[in-house]
C-alpha atoms as a PDB file:
ATOM      1  CA  MET A   1      14.338  30.056 -21.438  1.00  0.00           C
ATOM      2  CA  SER A   2      13.883  27.935 -24.548  1.00  0.00           C
ATOM      3  CA  LEU A   3      10.645  26.061 -25.170  1.00  0.00           C
ATOM      4  CA  GLU A   4      12.314  23.654 -27.564  1.00  0.00           C
ATOM      5  CA  ALA A   5      12.418  20.001 -26.615  1.00  0.00           C
ATOM      6  CA  PRO A   6      15.809  18.781 -25.383  1.00  0.00           C
ATOM      7  CA  HIS A   7      17.835  16.641 -27.737  1.00  0.00           C
ATOM      8  CA  ALA A   8      18.253  12.923 -27.159  1.00  0.00           C
ATOM      9  CA  GLY A   9      20.724  12.301 -24.376  1.00  0.00           C
ATOM     10  CA  GLN A  10      20.360  15.788 -22.895  1.00  0.00           C
ATOM     11  CA  LYS A  11      19.835  15.853 -19.130  1.00  0.00           C
ATOM     12  CA  PRO A  12      17.040  17.829 -17.445  1.00  0.00           C
ATOM     13  CA  SER A  13      17.875  20.994 -15.571  1.00  0.00           C
ATOM     14  CA  ALA A  14      17.870  21.047 -11.775  1.00  0.00           C
ATOM     15  CA  ASP A  15      14.540  22.915 -11.807  1.00  0.00           C
ATOM     16  CA  VAL A  16      12.931  20.390 -14.158  1.00  0.00           C
ATOM     17  CA  THR A  17      14.226  17.529 -12.016  1.00  0.00           C
ATOM     18  CA  GLN A  18      12.895  19.172  -8.839  1.00  0.00           C
ATOM     19  CA  ALA A  19       9.519  19.782 -10.512  1.00  0.00           C
ATOM     20  CA  TRP A  20       9.362  16.072 -11.353  1.00  0.00           C
ATOM     21  CA  ILE A  21      10.273  15.051  -7.800  1.00  0.00           C
ATOM     22  CA  ASN A  22       7.688  17.416  -6.301  1.00  0.00           C
ATOM     23  CA  LEU A  23       5.013  16.209  -8.725  1.00  0.00           C
ATOM     24  CA  MET A  24       5.632  12.562  -7.844  1.00  0.00           C
ATOM     25  CA  ARG A  25       5.725  13.239  -4.098  1.00  0.00           C
ATOM     26  CA  ALA A  26       2.537  15.290  -4.226  1.00  0.00           C
ATOM     27  CA  GLN A  27       0.782  12.613  -6.281  1.00  0.00           C
ATOM     28  CA  GLN A  28       1.778   9.861  -3.861  1.00  0.00           C
ATOM     29  CA  ARG A  29       0.835  11.816  -0.744  1.00  0.00           C
ATOM     30  CA  VAL A  30      -2.501  13.117  -1.999  1.00  0.00           C
ATOM     31  CA  LEU A  31      -3.532   9.801  -3.542  1.00  0.00           C
ATOM     32  CA  GLY A  32      -2.547   8.012  -0.319  1.00  0.00           C
ATOM     33  CA  ALA A  33      -4.658  10.460   1.714  1.00  0.00           C
ATOM     34  CA  ILE A  34      -7.623   9.967  -0.617  1.00  0.00           C
ATOM     35  CA  GLU A  35      -7.260   6.178  -0.378  1.00  0.00           C
ATOM     36  CA  ARG A  36      -7.292   6.479   3.438  1.00  0.00           C
ATOM     37  CA  ASP A  37     -10.422   8.650   3.275  1.00  0.00           C
ATOM     38  CA  PHE A  38     -12.135   6.005   1.123  1.00  0.00           C
ATOM     39  CA  LYS A  39     -11.108   3.267   3.554  1.00  0.00           C
ATOM     40  CA  ASP A  40     -12.246   5.300   6.586  1.00  0.00           C
ATOM     41  CA  ALA A  41     -15.632   5.821   4.901  1.00  0.00           C
ATOM     42  CA  GLY A  42     -15.989   2.084   4.214  1.00  0.00           C
ATOM     43  CA  MET A  43     -15.586   2.601   0.473  1.00  0.00           C
ATOM     44  CA  PRO A  44     -13.746   0.376  -1.981  1.00  0.00           C
ATOM     45  CA  PRO A  45     -10.312   1.443  -3.297  1.00  0.00           C
ATOM     46  CA  PHE A  46      -9.822   4.407  -5.617  1.00  0.00           C
ATOM     47  CA  GLY A  47      -9.297   2.142  -8.641  1.00  0.00           C
ATOM     48  CA  TRP A  48     -12.957   1.158  -8.461  1.00  0.00           C
ATOM     49  CA  TYR A  49     -14.009   4.801  -8.677  1.00  0.00           C
ATOM     50  CA  ASP A  50     -11.633   5.416 -11.572  1.00  0.00           C
ATOM     51  CA  VAL A  51     -13.183   2.627 -13.679  1.00  0.00           C
ATOM     52  CA  LEU A  52     -16.773   3.537 -12.746  1.00  0.00           C
ATOM     53  CA  TRP A  53     -16.102   7.214 -13.544  1.00  0.00           C
ATOM     54  CA  GLU A  54     -14.750   6.389 -16.995  1.00  0.00           C
ATOM     55  CA  LEU A  55     -17.795   4.222 -17.696  1.00  0.00           C
ATOM     56  CA  ALA A  56     -20.089   7.041 -16.506  1.00  0.00           C
ATOM     57  CA  ARG A  57     -18.356   9.477 -18.887  1.00  0.00           C
ATOM     58  CA  ALA A  58     -18.346   7.111 -21.855  1.00  0.00           C
ATOM     59  CA  ARG A  59     -20.728   7.567 -24.729  1.00  0.00           C
ATOM     60  CA  ASP A  60     -23.476   4.958 -24.342  1.00  0.00           C
ATOM     61  CA  GLY A  61     -22.073   4.156 -20.864  1.00  0.00           C
ATOM     62  CA  ARG A  62     -19.881   1.351 -22.125  1.00  0.00           C
ATOM     63  CA  LEU A  63     -16.236   0.794 -22.953  1.00  0.00           C
ATOM     64  CA  ARG A  64     -14.075  -2.033 -24.174  1.00  0.00           C
ATOM     65  CA  PRO A  65     -11.452  -3.160 -21.653  1.00  0.00           C
ATOM     66  CA  PHE A  66      -8.583  -1.664 -23.673  1.00  0.00           C
ATOM     67  CA  GLU A  67     -10.403   1.691 -23.686  1.00  0.00           C
ATOM     68  CA  ILE A  68     -10.673   1.598 -19.890  1.00  0.00           C
ATOM     69  CA  GLU A  69      -6.957   0.808 -19.712  1.00  0.00           C
ATOM     70  CA  GLU A  70      -6.152   3.807 -21.952  1.00  0.00           C
ATOM     71  CA  ARG A  71      -8.232   6.160 -19.777  1.00  0.00           C
ATOM     72  CA  THR A  72      -6.998   4.998 -16.369  1.00  0.00           C
ATOM     73  CA  LEU A  73      -3.624   4.350 -14.780  1.00  0.00           C
ATOM     74  CA  LEU A  74      -4.322   0.650 -14.355  1.00  0.00           C
ATOM     75  CA  ALA A  75      -2.163  -1.965 -16.059  1.00  0.00           C
ATOM     76  CA  GLN A  76      -4.033  -4.504 -18.198  1.00  0.00           C
ATOM     77  CA  TYR A  77      -3.415  -7.432 -15.840  1.00  0.00           C
ATOM     78  CA  ASN A  78      -4.707  -5.419 -12.852  1.00  0.00           C
ATOM     79  CA  LEU A  79      -7.645  -4.113 -14.857  1.00  0.00           C
ATOM     80  CA  SER A  80      -8.827  -7.603 -15.833  1.00  0.00           C
ATOM     81  CA  ARG A  81      -8.934  -8.666 -12.195  1.00  0.00           C
ATOM     82  CA  LEU A  82     -10.642  -5.428 -11.177  1.00  0.00           C
ATOM     83  CA  ILE A  83     -13.329  -5.815 -13.842  1.00  0.00           C
ATOM     84  CA  ASP A  84     -13.871  -9.398 -12.635  1.00  0.00           C
ATOM     85  CA  ARG A  85     -14.318  -8.059  -9.088  1.00  0.00           C
ATOM     86  CA  LEU A  86     -16.654  -5.249 -10.187  1.00  0.00           C
ATOM     87  CA  GLU A  87     -18.722  -7.766 -12.126  1.00  0.00           C
ATOM     88  CA  LYS A  88     -18.861 -10.145  -9.144  1.00  0.00           C
ATOM     89  CA  GLU A  89     -20.126  -7.222  -6.990  1.00  0.00           C
ATOM     90  CA  GLY A  90     -22.832  -6.439  -9.573  1.00  0.00           C
ATOM     91  CA  LEU A  91     -21.344  -3.037 -10.438  1.00  0.00           C
ATOM     92  CA  VAL A  92     -20.614  -3.806 -14.096  1.00  0.00           C
ATOM     93  CA  GLU A  93     -21.678  -6.344 -16.671  1.00  0.00           C
ATOM     94  CA  ARG A  94     -19.841  -7.667 -19.701  1.00  0.00           C
ATOM     95  CA  HIS A  95     -21.823  -7.671 -22.931  1.00  0.00           C
ATOM     96  CA  THR A  96     -20.631  -9.591 -25.982  1.00  0.00           C
ATOM     97  CA  PHE A  97     -20.777  -7.794 -29.320  1.00  0.00           C
ATOM     98  CA  ASP A  98     -18.866 -10.065 -31.741  1.00  0.00           C
ATOM     99  CA  ASP A  99     -20.469 -13.090 -33.392  1.00  0.00           C
ATOM    100  CA  ASP A 100     -17.600 -15.223 -32.122  1.00  0.00           C
ATOM    101  CA  GLY A 101     -18.052 -13.941 -28.554  1.00  0.00           C
ATOM    102  CA  ARG A 102     -14.567 -12.463 -28.211  1.00  0.00           C
ATOM    103  CA  GLY A 103     -15.454  -8.757 -28.287  1.00  0.00           C
ATOM    104  CA  ARG A 104     -16.901  -7.435 -25.054  1.00  0.00           C
ATOM    105  CA  TRP A 105     -18.222  -4.200 -23.678  1.00  0.00           C
ATOM    106  CA  VAL A 106     -17.976  -3.363 -20.004  1.00  0.00           C
ATOM    107  CA  VAL A 107     -21.226  -1.673 -18.960  1.00  0.00           C
ATOM    108  CA  MET A 108     -21.960  -0.062 -15.594  1.00  0.00           C
ATOM    109  CA  THR A 109     -25.090  -1.256 -13.788  1.00  0.00           C
ATOM    110  CA  GLU A 110     -27.477   0.883 -11.739  1.00  0.00           C
ATOM    111  CA  LYS A 111     -25.775  -0.455  -8.629  1.00  0.00           C
ATOM    112  CA  GLY A 112     -22.452   0.714 -10.068  1.00  0.00           C
ATOM    113  CA  ARG A 113     -23.880   4.182 -10.770  1.00  0.00           C
ATOM    114  CA  GLY A 114     -25.105   4.418  -7.198  1.00  0.00           C
ATOM    115  CA  LEU A 115     -21.760   3.369  -5.753  1.00  0.00           C
ATOM    116  CA  ARG A 116     -19.888   5.838  -7.973  1.00  0.00           C
ATOM    117  CA  GLU A 117     -22.137   8.670  -6.779  1.00  0.00           C
ATOM    118  CA  THR A 118     -21.631   7.663  -3.133  1.00  0.00           C
ATOM    119  CA  MET A 119     -17.881   7.406  -3.672  1.00  0.00           C
ATOM    120  CA  TRP A 120     -17.873  10.876  -5.290  1.00  0.00           C
ATOM    121  CA  GLU A 121     -19.277  12.374  -2.090  1.00  0.00           C
ATOM    122  CA  VAL A 122     -16.215  11.084  -0.216  1.00  0.00           C
ATOM    123  CA  TYR A 123     -13.833  11.816  -3.089  1.00  0.00           C
ATOM    124  CA  GLY A 124     -15.058  15.393  -3.584  1.00  0.00           C
ATOM    125  CA  ARG A 125     -14.635  16.197   0.111  1.00  0.00           C
ATOM    126  CA  SER A 126     -11.218  14.552   0.036  1.00  0.00           C
ATOM    127  CA  ILE A 127     -10.068  16.635  -2.942  1.00  0.00           C
ATOM    128  CA  ALA A 128     -11.298  19.778  -1.194  1.00  0.00           C
ATOM    129  CA  ARG A 129      -9.460  18.821   2.002  1.00  0.00           C
ATOM    130  CA  HIS A 130      -6.161  17.604   0.574  1.00  0.00           C
ATOM    131  CA  VAL A 131      -5.841  19.957  -2.402  1.00  0.00           C
ATOM    132  CA  GLY A 132      -8.339  22.811  -2.206  1.00  0.00           C
ATOM    133  CA  ALA A 133      -7.597  23.688   1.416  1.00  0.00           C
ATOM    134  CA  LYS A 134      -3.890  23.970   0.616  1.00  0.00           C
ATOM    135  CA  LEU A 135      -4.102  25.998  -2.599  1.00  0.00           C
ATOM    136  CA  PRO A 136      -5.822  29.341  -3.121  1.00  0.00           C
ATOM    137  CA  GLU A 137      -8.076  29.285  -6.209  1.00  0.00           C
ATOM    138  CA  ALA A 138      -5.582  31.297  -8.279  1.00  0.00           C
ATOM    139  CA  ASP A 139      -2.797  28.807  -7.458  1.00  0.00           C
ATOM    140  CA  ALA A 140      -5.077  25.862  -8.253  1.00  0.00           C
ATOM    141  CA  ALA A 141      -5.938  27.426 -11.635  1.00  0.00           C
ATOM    142  CA  GLN A 142      -2.262  28.061 -12.369  1.00  0.00           C
ATOM    143  CA  LEU A 143      -1.312  24.512 -11.361  1.00  0.00           C
ATOM    144  CA  ALA A 144      -4.097  23.053 -13.503  1.00  0.00           C
ATOM    145  CA  GLY A 145      -2.827  25.071 -16.453  1.00  0.00           C
ATOM    146  CA  LEU A 146       0.759  24.000 -15.921  1.00  0.00           C
ATOM    147  CA  LEU A 147      -0.130  20.335 -15.537  1.00  0.00           C
ATOM    148  CA  SER A 148      -2.297  20.412 -18.667  1.00  0.00           C
ATOM    149  CA  LYS A 149       0.906  21.051 -20.607  1.00  0.00           C
ATOM    150  CA  LEU A 150       2.142  17.621 -19.495  1.00  0.00           C
ATOM    151  CA  ALA A 151      -1.077  15.755 -20.211  1.00  0.00           C
END
C-alpha cells in the first residue's frame, strides 16, 4: 500500500470510498443523536456549544468572528446570525477594538460560561452513550489516531 497522494484525476479505491461513506454516516447519526439529547434536556442547539467552547478555549477568552468561523463548522452567514442570537441571550458580548469601530471581539459572558458548563454535562454523557458505549477504549484510541491523519 502506497502512502503517496493520488495524482490529479485519480479515483479513490473502493476501501477509501467506503471509509468516506462510513465516516459521513457516522458523523450524521452521532451528531443527530447528540442534537436530540440537547433538545430533550432543554438545551440550545449544538452550534451554540461549539461557539461557546471555542471562546472558552481562546487565549484571553475572546475571538474575532473570522477566528470562530475557522475553528467551527459554521458558515460565515450562519455564524453572524448565531452570534447575534448569543448576544441577545446575554451569552456573549461584542467589544470594539479598532478606532473606526469596525474590528470586533466576541467575548463570552459569565452567563455564557455557565451555559457552556451545563451543556457539557449533557454533551459529555451523550458522547459516552453514542460513542464510548459502542467502542472499546482501544478502538476509540485507534479511531482517534486514524482520524487525526485527516485533520
